[in-house]
């Protein structure tokens, strides 16, 4: 009788564990391990929004070739680099300190199209809008078609390109999913500039 009770207890315990595992899988949870390519509103891996050009050059162990480095009037610049095994676009904005002659380039956005890059809940390249909205249903979100330039003075909403911006609770950063033909084509972490 005692052995029958133990077998029954173990059976119920195993059934309960298996049931919980199936429930979490049926909800579409795509949890992944933290990787060097994890993207969040703060950046990708060690690449963080707000880092200076000098900090990034030290981290990447390379000089960043800015297209507009000599133009002290240019307020922004973009550099494409390899970070570990993925290609990333680094978007910079010129920051001024108290001494107006010192202008520092600061990272304002990071973008990648690498399938190795995923959010903490496993979203990435190829995912669809409904999956993103479900995963971030508790976050402030804005979304809509991207606008494309038709001519010198006219812009039109794209029929194939769409964006979903997932904001944080402070509204100073966002994670952007850029979709092409209804599937995520690239991911971007960015700072939101104040008015």
N, C-alpha and C. Protein backbone atom coordinates (compact mmCIF):
# COMPACT_ATOMS: atom_id res chain seq x y z
N UNK A 1 0.82 -1.19 0.00
CA UNK A 1 0.00 0.00 0.00
C UNK A 1 0.87 1.26 0.00
N UNK A 2 1.91 1.24 0.82
CA UNK A 2 2.80 2.40 0.91
C UNK A 2 3.47 2.64 -0.45
N UNK A 3 3.94 1.57 -1.12
CA UNK A 3 4.61 1.74 -2.41
C UNK A 3 3.61 2.24 -3.47
N UNK A 4 2.36 1.83 -3.38
CA UNK A 4 1.34 2.32 -4.31
C UNK A 4 1.12 3.82 -4.10
N UNK A 5 1.12 4.27 -2.86
CA UNK A 5 0.97 5.69 -2.55
C UNK A 5 2.15 6.49 -3.11
N UNK A 6 3.38 5.98 -2.96
CA UNK A 6 4.58 6.67 -3.46
C UNK A 6 4.53 6.75 -4.99
N UNK A 7 4.16 5.68 -5.65
CA UNK A 7 4.07 5.67 -7.12
C UNK A 7 3.00 6.66 -7.58
N UNK A 8 1.87 6.68 -6.89
CA UNK A 8 0.80 7.61 -7.22
C UNK A 8 1.26 9.06 -7.03
N UNK A 9 1.95 9.33 -5.95
CA UNK A 9 2.47 10.68 -5.66
C UNK A 9 3.46 11.12 -6.74
N UNK A 10 4.39 10.25 -7.12
CA UNK A 10 5.37 10.57 -8.15
C UNK A 10 4.69 10.80 -9.50
N UNK A 11 3.68 10.01 -9.80
CA UNK A 11 2.94 10.18 -11.06
C UNK A 11 2.26 11.53 -11.13
N UNK A 12 1.61 11.94 -10.03
CA UNK A 12 0.94 13.24 -9.98
C UNK A 12 1.96 14.37 -10.11
N UNK A 13 3.10 14.24 -9.43
CA UNK A 13 4.14 15.27 -9.48
C UNK A 13 4.69 15.41 -10.91
N UNK A 14 4.98 14.30 -11.56
CA UNK A 14 5.49 14.35 -12.94
C UNK A 14 4.46 14.93 -13.89
N UNK A 15 3.19 14.55 -13.72
CA UNK A 15 2.13 15.08 -14.57
C UNK A 15 2.01 16.59 -14.40
N UNK A 16 2.12 17.07 -13.16
CA UNK A 16 2.01 18.49 -12.86
C UNK A 16 3.16 19.27 -13.51
N UNK A 17 4.38 18.76 -13.41
CA UNK A 17 5.53 19.43 -14.02
C UNK A 17 5.39 19.47 -15.53
N UNK A 18 4.97 18.37 -16.13
CA UNK A 18 4.81 18.30 -17.57
C UNK A 18 3.71 19.24 -18.04
N UNK A 19 2.65 19.36 -17.26
CA UNK A 19 1.53 20.24 -17.59
C UNK A 19 1.97 21.70 -17.60
N UNK A 20 2.77 22.10 -16.59
CA UNK A 20 3.27 23.48 -16.52
C UNK A 20 4.17 23.79 -17.70
N UNK A 21 5.00 22.83 -18.09
CA UNK A 21 5.90 23.01 -19.22
C UNK A 21 5.10 23.23 -20.51
N UNK A 22 4.04 22.44 -20.71
CA UNK A 22 3.20 22.58 -21.90
C UNK A 22 2.48 23.92 -21.91
N UNK A 23 2.02 24.39 -20.73
CA UNK A 23 1.33 25.67 -20.65
C UNK A 23 2.25 26.80 -21.07
N UNK A 24 3.50 26.81 -20.58
CA UNK A 24 4.40 27.91 -20.94
C UNK A 24 4.75 27.86 -22.42
N UNK A 25 4.87 26.66 -23.01
CA UNK A 25 5.14 26.56 -24.43
C UNK A 25 3.94 26.95 -25.27
N UNK A 26 2.73 26.69 -24.79
CA UNK A 26 1.53 27.01 -25.57
C UNK A 26 1.25 28.50 -25.59
N UNK A 27 1.81 29.27 -24.69
CA UNK A 27 1.61 30.71 -24.68
C UNK A 27 2.49 31.41 -25.69
N UNK A 28 3.36 30.65 -26.37
CA UNK A 28 4.22 31.26 -27.37
C UNK A 28 5.45 31.91 -26.76
N UNK A 29 5.78 31.57 -25.53
CA UNK A 29 6.98 32.13 -24.92
C UNK A 29 8.18 31.71 -25.74
N UNK A 30 9.01 32.67 -26.06
CA UNK A 30 10.19 32.39 -26.86
C UNK A 30 11.44 32.78 -26.09
N UNK A 31 11.43 32.59 -24.78
CA UNK A 31 12.56 32.99 -23.94
C UNK A 31 13.86 32.43 -24.50
N UNK A 32 14.89 33.26 -24.49
CA UNK A 32 16.21 32.83 -24.91
C UNK A 32 17.21 33.18 -23.83
N UNK A 33 18.38 32.58 -23.95
CA UNK A 33 19.44 32.92 -23.03
C UNK A 33 19.97 34.30 -23.41
N UNK A 34 20.56 34.99 -22.46
CA UNK A 34 21.20 36.25 -22.77
C UNK A 34 22.45 35.93 -23.59
N UNK A 35 22.56 36.57 -24.74
CA UNK A 35 23.69 36.35 -25.63
C UNK A 35 24.42 37.66 -25.84
N UNK A 36 25.59 37.62 -26.48
CA UNK A 36 26.27 38.89 -26.77
C UNK A 36 25.50 39.72 -27.78
N UNK A 37 24.46 39.13 -28.39
CA UNK A 37 23.66 39.83 -29.39
C UNK A 37 22.26 40.18 -28.89
N UNK A 38 22.04 40.11 -27.59
CA UNK A 38 20.73 40.46 -27.04
C UNK A 38 20.48 41.95 -27.25
N UNK A 39 19.33 42.27 -27.84
CA UNK A 39 18.99 43.67 -28.07
C UNK A 39 17.90 44.10 -27.10
N UNK A 40 18.06 45.29 -26.57
CA UNK A 40 17.06 45.89 -25.68
C UNK A 40 16.97 47.37 -26.04
N UNK A 41 16.19 48.11 -25.30
CA UNK A 41 16.08 49.55 -25.53
C UNK A 41 17.38 50.26 -25.22
N UNK A 42 18.29 49.59 -24.51
CA UNK A 42 19.57 50.19 -24.13
C UNK A 42 20.68 49.93 -25.13
N UNK A 43 20.50 48.97 -26.05
CA UNK A 43 21.55 48.69 -27.02
C UNK A 43 21.61 47.22 -27.37
N UNK A 44 22.76 46.81 -27.93
CA UNK A 44 23.01 45.42 -28.30
C UNK A 44 24.26 44.96 -27.57
N UNK A 45 24.10 43.96 -26.72
CA UNK A 45 25.25 43.45 -25.97
C UNK A 45 25.94 44.56 -25.21
N UNK A 46 27.25 44.72 -25.44
CA UNK A 46 28.03 45.76 -24.76
C UNK A 46 27.90 47.13 -25.42
N UNK A 47 27.31 47.20 -26.60
CA UNK A 47 27.12 48.47 -27.29
C UNK A 47 25.90 49.16 -26.69
N UNK A 48 26.12 50.25 -25.99
CA UNK A 48 25.02 50.91 -25.27
C UNK A 48 24.75 52.31 -25.81
N UNK A 49 23.46 52.64 -25.90
CA UNK A 49 23.05 53.99 -26.28
C UNK A 49 23.69 54.98 -25.30
N UNK A 50 24.22 56.07 -25.82
CA UNK A 50 24.84 57.09 -24.97
C UNK A 50 26.36 56.99 -24.91
N UNK A 51 26.93 55.88 -25.40
CA UNK A 51 28.39 55.76 -25.41
C UNK A 51 28.97 56.79 -26.37
N UNK A 52 30.18 57.26 -26.06
CA UNK A 52 30.85 58.21 -26.93
C UNK A 52 31.64 57.46 -28.00
N UNK A 53 32.04 58.20 -29.02
CA UNK A 53 32.85 57.62 -30.08
C UNK A 53 34.12 57.00 -29.49
N UNK A 54 34.77 57.69 -28.57
CA UNK A 54 36.00 57.18 -27.96
C UNK A 54 35.75 55.87 -27.21
N UNK A 55 34.65 55.79 -26.46
CA UNK A 55 34.32 54.57 -25.73
C UNK A 55 34.07 53.40 -26.69
N UNK A 56 33.38 53.68 -27.78
CA UNK A 56 33.10 52.63 -28.76
C UNK A 56 34.37 52.17 -29.47
N UNK A 57 35.24 53.11 -29.80
CA UNK A 57 36.50 52.73 -30.45
C UNK A 57 37.33 51.84 -29.54
N UNK A 58 37.33 52.13 -28.26
CA UNK A 58 38.06 51.28 -27.30
C UNK A 58 37.42 49.90 -27.22
N UNK A 59 36.10 49.84 -27.11
CA UNK A 59 35.38 48.56 -27.01
C UNK A 59 35.57 47.71 -28.27
N UNK A 60 35.46 48.33 -29.44
CA UNK A 60 35.55 47.62 -30.70
C UNK A 60 36.99 47.41 -31.16
N UNK A 61 37.92 48.09 -30.49
CA UNK A 61 39.34 48.01 -30.82
C UNK A 61 39.60 48.42 -32.28
N UNK A 62 38.94 49.50 -32.68
CA UNK A 62 39.13 50.04 -34.03
C UNK A 62 38.72 51.50 -34.07
N UNK A 63 39.30 52.21 -35.01
CA UNK A 63 38.95 53.62 -35.23
C UNK A 63 37.67 53.65 -36.07
N UNK A 64 36.72 54.49 -35.69
CA UNK A 64 35.47 54.62 -36.44
C UNK A 64 35.62 55.73 -37.47
N UNK A 65 35.48 55.40 -38.72
CA UNK A 65 35.64 56.36 -39.81
C UNK A 65 34.33 57.13 -40.01
N UNK A 66 34.26 58.30 -39.43
CA UNK A 66 33.08 59.16 -39.58
C UNK A 66 33.13 59.87 -40.93
N UNK A 67 32.03 59.85 -41.65
CA UNK A 67 31.97 60.51 -42.96
C UNK A 67 32.05 62.03 -42.83
N UNK A 68 31.49 62.55 -41.74
CA UNK A 68 31.41 64.00 -41.57
C UNK A 68 32.32 64.49 -40.44
N UNK A 69 33.40 63.78 -40.17
CA UNK A 69 34.27 64.13 -39.05
C UNK A 69 34.86 65.52 -39.18
N UNK A 70 35.22 65.91 -40.38
CA UNK A 70 35.84 67.22 -40.59
C UNK A 70 34.82 68.36 -40.57
N UNK A 71 33.57 68.03 -40.81
CA UNK A 71 32.52 69.05 -40.86
C UNK A 71 31.98 69.29 -39.46
N UNK A 72 32.48 70.32 -38.81
CA UNK A 72 32.07 70.60 -37.43
C UNK A 72 30.63 71.09 -37.33
N UNK A 73 30.01 71.39 -38.47
CA UNK A 73 28.61 71.82 -38.45
C UNK A 73 27.65 70.62 -38.53
N UNK A 74 28.15 69.46 -38.97
CA UNK A 74 27.29 68.28 -39.10
C UNK A 74 26.88 67.82 -37.71
N UNK A 75 25.61 67.53 -37.53
CA UNK A 75 25.11 67.13 -36.21
C UNK A 75 25.00 65.62 -36.06
N UNK A 76 25.08 64.87 -37.16
CA UNK A 76 24.94 63.42 -37.06
C UNK A 76 25.87 62.70 -38.02
N UNK A 77 26.06 61.41 -37.77
CA UNK A 77 26.89 60.57 -38.62
C UNK A 77 26.50 59.11 -38.41
N UNK A 78 26.82 58.28 -39.39
CA UNK A 78 26.51 56.86 -39.31
C UNK A 78 27.74 56.06 -39.70
N UNK A 79 27.99 54.98 -38.96
CA UNK A 79 29.12 54.10 -39.26
C UNK A 79 28.62 52.66 -39.22
N UNK A 80 29.04 51.86 -40.21
CA UNK A 80 28.72 50.43 -40.24
C UNK A 80 29.96 49.70 -39.74
N UNK A 81 29.78 48.84 -38.71
CA UNK A 81 30.91 48.09 -38.14
C UNK A 81 30.50 46.64 -37.89
N UNK A 82 31.50 45.82 -37.65
CA UNK A 82 31.25 44.44 -37.25
C UNK A 82 31.44 44.39 -35.74
N UNK A 83 30.41 43.90 -35.04
CA UNK A 83 30.46 43.71 -33.59
C UNK A 83 30.39 42.21 -33.36
N UNK A 84 31.48 41.64 -32.91
CA UNK A 84 31.61 40.19 -32.78
C UNK A 84 31.33 39.56 -34.14
N UNK A 85 30.22 38.86 -34.32
CA UNK A 85 29.92 38.19 -35.60
C UNK A 85 28.79 38.85 -36.38
N UNK A 86 28.31 40.03 -35.95
CA UNK A 86 27.19 40.65 -36.65
C UNK A 86 27.55 42.05 -37.16
N UNK A 87 26.88 42.45 -38.23
CA UNK A 87 27.03 43.80 -38.76
C UNK A 87 26.03 44.70 -38.04
N UNK A 88 26.49 45.87 -37.62
CA UNK A 88 25.60 46.84 -36.98
C UNK A 88 25.85 48.23 -37.57
N UNK A 89 24.79 49.01 -37.63
CA UNK A 89 24.90 50.42 -38.00
C UNK A 89 24.85 51.22 -36.71
N UNK A 90 25.82 52.09 -36.53
CA UNK A 90 25.89 52.96 -35.36
C UNK A 90 25.52 54.37 -35.80
N UNK A 91 24.51 54.95 -35.17
CA UNK A 91 24.05 56.30 -35.49
C UNK A 91 24.51 57.24 -34.38
N UNK A 92 25.21 58.30 -34.76
CA UNK A 92 25.76 59.24 -33.79
C UNK A 92 25.10 60.60 -33.91
N UNK A 93 25.08 61.30 -32.78
CA UNK A 93 24.66 62.70 -32.76
C UNK A 93 25.73 63.49 -32.03
N UNK A 94 26.01 64.68 -32.54
CA UNK A 94 27.03 65.53 -31.93
C UNK A 94 26.46 66.17 -30.66
N UNK A 95 27.21 66.05 -29.58
CA UNK A 95 26.83 66.63 -28.30
C UNK A 95 27.81 67.75 -27.95
N UNK A 96 27.31 68.77 -27.33
CA UNK A 96 28.16 69.89 -26.95
C UNK A 96 28.30 69.87 -25.43
N UNK A 97 29.48 70.25 -24.95
CA UNK A 97 29.61 70.42 -23.51
C UNK A 97 29.72 71.90 -23.21
N UNK A 98 30.09 72.27 -21.99
CA UNK A 98 30.13 73.69 -21.61
C UNK A 98 31.06 74.49 -22.50
N UNK A 99 32.17 73.88 -22.90
CA UNK A 99 33.09 74.53 -23.83
C UNK A 99 32.59 74.23 -25.24
N UNK A 100 31.96 75.20 -25.88
CA UNK A 100 31.31 74.98 -27.18
C UNK A 100 32.27 74.48 -28.25
N UNK A 101 33.58 74.64 -28.04
CA UNK A 101 34.53 74.17 -29.06
C UNK A 101 34.74 72.65 -28.98
N UNK A 102 34.33 72.04 -27.88
CA UNK A 102 34.47 70.58 -27.73
C UNK A 102 33.14 69.93 -28.10
N UNK A 103 33.18 69.17 -29.19
CA UNK A 103 31.98 68.49 -29.67
C UNK A 103 32.24 66.99 -29.63
N UNK A 104 31.38 66.27 -28.96
CA UNK A 104 31.56 64.83 -28.77
C UNK A 104 30.48 64.10 -29.55
N UNK A 105 30.89 63.05 -30.29
CA UNK A 105 29.92 62.22 -30.99
C UNK A 105 29.44 61.14 -30.03
N UNK A 106 28.11 61.09 -29.84
CA UNK A 106 27.51 60.15 -28.90
C UNK A 106 26.54 59.23 -29.63
N UNK A 107 26.56 57.94 -29.27
CA UNK A 107 25.72 56.94 -29.91
C UNK A 107 24.25 57.19 -29.56
N UNK A 108 23.42 57.39 -30.59
CA UNK A 108 21.99 57.65 -30.36
C UNK A 108 21.11 56.50 -30.84
N UNK A 109 21.66 55.60 -31.68
CA UNK A 109 20.88 54.45 -32.15
C UNK A 109 21.82 53.37 -32.69
N UNK A 110 21.34 52.12 -32.60
CA UNK A 110 22.06 50.96 -33.12
C UNK A 110 21.04 50.13 -33.89
N UNK A 111 21.44 49.67 -35.08
CA UNK A 111 20.51 48.87 -35.89
C UNK A 111 21.24 47.65 -36.46
N UNK A 112 20.53 46.54 -36.57
CA UNK A 112 21.08 45.34 -37.19
C UNK A 112 19.99 44.54 -37.90
N UNK A 113 20.41 43.80 -38.91
CA UNK A 113 19.53 42.87 -39.61
C UNK A 113 19.96 41.43 -39.39
N UNK A 114 20.83 41.23 -38.41
CA UNK A 114 21.35 39.88 -38.17
C UNK A 114 20.32 38.99 -37.48
N UNK A 115 20.13 37.77 -37.98
CA UNK A 115 19.23 36.83 -37.31
C UNK A 115 19.78 36.34 -35.97
N UNK A 116 21.05 36.62 -35.68
CA UNK A 116 21.62 36.24 -34.38
C UNK A 116 21.14 37.17 -33.26
N UNK A 117 20.68 38.35 -33.63
CA UNK A 117 20.25 39.35 -32.65
C UNK A 117 18.79 39.11 -32.27
N UNK A 118 18.54 38.96 -30.97
CA UNK A 118 17.19 38.68 -30.47
C UNK A 118 16.90 39.53 -29.23
N UNK A 119 15.63 39.76 -28.98
CA UNK A 119 15.21 40.42 -27.74
C UNK A 119 15.28 39.41 -26.60
N UNK A 120 15.09 39.86 -25.37
CA UNK A 120 15.14 38.94 -24.22
C UNK A 120 14.05 37.87 -24.29
N UNK A 121 12.95 38.16 -25.00
CA UNK A 121 11.90 37.15 -25.13
C UNK A 121 11.96 36.42 -26.47
N UNK A 122 13.11 36.50 -27.15
CA UNK A 122 13.36 35.68 -28.32
C UNK A 122 12.86 36.21 -29.65
N UNK A 123 12.41 37.46 -29.70
CA UNK A 123 11.93 38.02 -30.96
C UNK A 123 13.09 38.50 -31.81
N UNK A 124 12.93 38.38 -33.12
CA UNK A 124 14.00 38.82 -34.01
C UNK A 124 13.56 38.83 -35.45
N UNK A 125 14.54 38.73 -36.33
CA UNK A 125 14.31 38.78 -37.76
C UNK A 125 13.31 37.68 -38.17
N UNK A 126 12.31 38.07 -38.97
CA UNK A 126 11.32 37.12 -39.48
C UNK A 126 10.04 37.05 -38.67
N UNK A 127 10.03 37.63 -37.46
CA UNK A 127 8.80 37.60 -36.66
C UNK A 127 7.76 38.55 -37.24
N UNK A 128 6.50 38.32 -36.88
CA UNK A 128 5.39 39.11 -37.42
C UNK A 128 4.83 40.08 -36.38
N UNK A 129 4.06 41.04 -36.85
CA UNK A 129 3.50 42.10 -36.01
C UNK A 129 2.72 41.57 -34.82
N UNK A 130 1.86 40.59 -35.02
CA UNK A 130 1.02 40.07 -33.93
C UNK A 130 1.88 39.50 -32.80
N UNK A 131 2.97 38.85 -33.14
CA UNK A 131 3.86 38.27 -32.13
C UNK A 131 4.51 39.37 -31.30
N UNK A 132 4.92 40.45 -31.95
CA UNK A 132 5.55 41.58 -31.26
C UNK A 132 4.54 42.25 -30.33
N UNK A 133 3.36 42.52 -30.84
CA UNK A 133 2.34 43.20 -30.03
C UNK A 133 1.93 42.35 -28.83
N UNK A 134 1.87 41.05 -29.00
CA UNK A 134 1.54 40.16 -27.89
C UNK A 134 2.64 40.17 -26.83
N UNK A 135 3.88 40.16 -27.28
CA UNK A 135 5.01 40.12 -26.34
C UNK A 135 5.15 41.41 -25.54
N UNK A 136 4.72 42.54 -26.12
CA UNK A 136 4.89 43.84 -25.47
C UNK A 136 3.56 44.51 -25.16
N UNK A 137 2.53 43.72 -24.87
CA UNK A 137 1.20 44.29 -24.65
C UNK A 137 1.13 45.24 -23.46
N UNK A 138 2.08 45.17 -22.53
CA UNK A 138 2.06 46.06 -21.35
C UNK A 138 2.93 47.30 -21.54
N UNK A 139 3.52 47.48 -22.71
CA UNK A 139 4.39 48.62 -22.98
C UNK A 139 3.69 49.66 -23.84
N UNK A 140 4.08 50.93 -23.71
CA UNK A 140 3.58 51.93 -24.65
C UNK A 140 4.16 51.64 -26.04
N UNK A 141 3.32 51.65 -27.05
CA UNK A 141 3.73 51.31 -28.42
C UNK A 141 3.16 52.33 -29.39
N UNK A 142 3.96 52.71 -30.38
CA UNK A 142 3.40 53.42 -31.53
C UNK A 142 3.89 52.68 -32.77
N UNK A 143 3.05 52.71 -33.79
CA UNK A 143 3.38 51.94 -34.99
C UNK A 143 2.68 52.55 -36.19
N UNK A 144 3.16 52.16 -37.36
CA UNK A 144 2.55 52.64 -38.59
C UNK A 144 3.47 52.41 -39.76
N UNK A 145 3.01 52.77 -40.95
CA UNK A 145 3.85 52.59 -42.14
C UNK A 145 5.03 53.57 -42.12
N UNK A 146 6.13 53.15 -42.72
CA UNK A 146 7.26 54.05 -42.92
C UNK A 146 6.86 55.00 -44.05
N UNK A 147 7.43 56.19 -44.07
CA UNK A 147 7.15 57.12 -45.15
C UNK A 147 8.34 57.15 -46.11
N UNK A 148 8.04 57.17 -47.40
CA UNK A 148 9.06 57.18 -48.44
C UNK A 148 8.93 58.45 -49.26
N UNK A 149 10.08 58.99 -49.67
CA UNK A 149 10.08 60.22 -50.45
C UNK A 149 9.72 59.91 -51.89
N UNK A 150 8.65 60.56 -52.37
CA UNK A 150 8.18 60.38 -53.73
C UNK A 150 8.93 61.31 -54.67
N UNK A 151 9.09 62.57 -54.24
CA UNK A 151 9.86 63.56 -54.99
C UNK A 151 10.44 64.56 -53.98
N UNK A 152 10.92 65.68 -54.45
CA UNK A 152 11.58 66.66 -53.56
C UNK A 152 10.71 67.17 -52.43
N UNK A 153 9.40 67.20 -52.63
CA UNK A 153 8.53 67.78 -51.61
C UNK A 153 7.41 66.86 -51.13
N UNK A 154 7.33 65.65 -51.63
CA UNK A 154 6.22 64.77 -51.28
C UNK A 154 6.70 63.46 -50.68
N UNK A 155 6.04 63.08 -49.59
CA UNK A 155 6.30 61.80 -48.93
C UNK A 155 5.01 61.00 -48.93
N UNK A 156 5.14 59.69 -49.01
CA UNK A 156 3.96 58.84 -49.08
C UNK A 156 4.16 57.62 -48.18
N UNK A 157 3.09 57.13 -47.52
CA UNK A 157 3.25 55.93 -46.69
C UNK A 157 3.59 54.72 -47.56
N UNK A 158 4.54 53.93 -47.08
CA UNK A 158 4.97 52.74 -47.80
C UNK A 158 3.89 51.66 -47.74
N UNK A 159 3.80 50.88 -48.78
CA UNK A 159 2.87 49.75 -48.80
C UNK A 159 3.54 48.48 -48.26
N UNK A 160 4.88 48.49 -48.14
CA UNK A 160 5.60 47.29 -47.73
C UNK A 160 6.41 47.46 -46.45
N UNK A 161 6.70 48.70 -46.03
CA UNK A 161 7.55 48.93 -44.86
C UNK A 161 6.74 49.50 -43.70
N UNK A 162 6.98 48.97 -42.52
CA UNK A 162 6.18 49.28 -41.33
C UNK A 162 7.11 49.32 -40.12
N UNK A 163 6.79 50.12 -39.12
CA UNK A 163 7.59 50.15 -37.90
C UNK A 163 6.72 49.95 -36.66
N UNK A 164 7.31 49.31 -35.65
CA UNK A 164 6.67 49.19 -34.34
C UNK A 164 7.69 49.68 -33.32
N UNK A 165 7.36 50.76 -32.62
CA UNK A 165 8.24 51.33 -31.60
C UNK A 165 7.73 50.94 -30.22
N UNK A 166 8.54 50.22 -29.47
CA UNK A 166 8.21 49.81 -28.11
C UNK A 166 8.98 50.73 -27.17
N UNK A 167 8.26 51.51 -26.39
CA UNK A 167 8.87 52.50 -25.50
C UNK A 167 9.15 51.91 -24.13
N UNK A 168 9.95 52.64 -23.33
CA UNK A 168 10.15 52.21 -21.95
C UNK A 168 9.32 53.09 -21.03
N UNK A 169 9.36 52.80 -19.75
CA UNK A 169 8.51 53.54 -18.81
C UNK A 169 8.94 54.99 -18.62
N UNK A 170 10.17 55.33 -19.03
CA UNK A 170 10.63 56.72 -18.91
C UNK A 170 10.42 57.48 -20.21
N UNK A 171 10.09 56.78 -21.27
CA UNK A 171 9.86 57.38 -22.58
C UNK A 171 11.11 58.04 -23.15
N UNK A 172 12.30 57.58 -22.75
CA UNK A 172 13.49 58.19 -23.32
C UNK A 172 14.23 57.25 -24.27
N UNK A 173 13.80 56.00 -24.33
CA UNK A 173 14.41 55.02 -25.22
C UNK A 173 13.32 54.14 -25.82
N UNK A 174 13.66 53.54 -26.95
CA UNK A 174 12.70 52.62 -27.55
C UNK A 174 13.42 51.53 -28.33
N UNK A 175 12.71 50.44 -28.48
CA UNK A 175 13.14 49.32 -29.30
C UNK A 175 12.24 49.34 -30.52
N UNK A 176 12.84 49.40 -31.70
CA UNK A 176 12.07 49.51 -32.94
C UNK A 176 12.22 48.25 -33.77
N UNK A 177 11.08 47.72 -34.19
CA UNK A 177 11.05 46.59 -35.11
C UNK A 177 10.67 47.18 -36.47
N UNK A 178 11.56 47.03 -37.45
CA UNK A 178 11.29 47.51 -38.80
C UNK A 178 10.88 46.32 -39.65
N UNK A 179 9.66 46.36 -40.16
CA UNK A 179 9.10 45.24 -40.92
C UNK A 179 9.08 45.56 -42.41
N UNK A 180 9.35 44.54 -43.22
CA UNK A 180 9.21 44.62 -44.66
C UNK A 180 8.35 43.42 -45.07
N UNK A 181 7.28 43.71 -45.81
CA UNK A 181 6.33 42.67 -46.20
C UNK A 181 5.84 41.86 -44.99
N UNK A 182 5.53 42.58 -43.90
CA UNK A 182 4.90 42.04 -42.69
C UNK A 182 5.81 41.17 -41.83
N UNK A 183 7.13 41.17 -42.09
CA UNK A 183 8.06 40.41 -41.27
C UNK A 183 9.19 41.33 -40.82
N UNK A 184 9.70 41.11 -39.60
CA UNK A 184 10.79 41.94 -39.08
C UNK A 184 12.02 41.76 -39.96
N UNK A 185 12.53 42.90 -40.49
CA UNK A 185 13.71 42.89 -41.35
C UNK A 185 14.93 43.44 -40.61
N UNK A 186 14.70 44.31 -39.62
CA UNK A 186 15.81 44.81 -38.80
C UNK A 186 15.29 45.28 -37.45
N UNK A 187 16.22 45.37 -36.51
CA UNK A 187 15.91 45.78 -35.13
C UNK A 187 16.76 46.99 -34.80
N UNK A 188 16.18 47.90 -34.01
CA UNK A 188 16.91 49.12 -33.67
C UNK A 188 16.65 49.51 -32.22
N UNK A 189 17.72 49.86 -31.52
CA UNK A 189 17.62 50.46 -30.18
C UNK A 189 17.95 51.93 -30.37
N UNK A 190 17.14 52.80 -29.79
CA UNK A 190 17.37 54.23 -30.04
C UNK A 190 16.94 55.08 -28.85
N UNK A 191 17.59 56.23 -28.74
CA UNK A 191 17.19 57.23 -27.75
C UNK A 191 16.15 58.12 -28.40
N UNK A 192 15.19 58.57 -27.63
CA UNK A 192 14.16 59.48 -28.15
C UNK A 192 14.54 60.88 -27.71
N UNK A 193 14.77 61.71 -28.68
CA UNK A 193 15.16 63.10 -28.37
C UNK A 193 13.96 63.89 -27.89
N UNK A 194 14.20 64.73 -26.89
CA UNK A 194 13.13 65.58 -26.35
C UNK A 194 12.74 66.68 -27.31
N UNK A 195 11.61 67.27 -27.05
CA UNK A 195 11.12 68.37 -27.92
C UNK A 195 11.87 69.64 -27.65
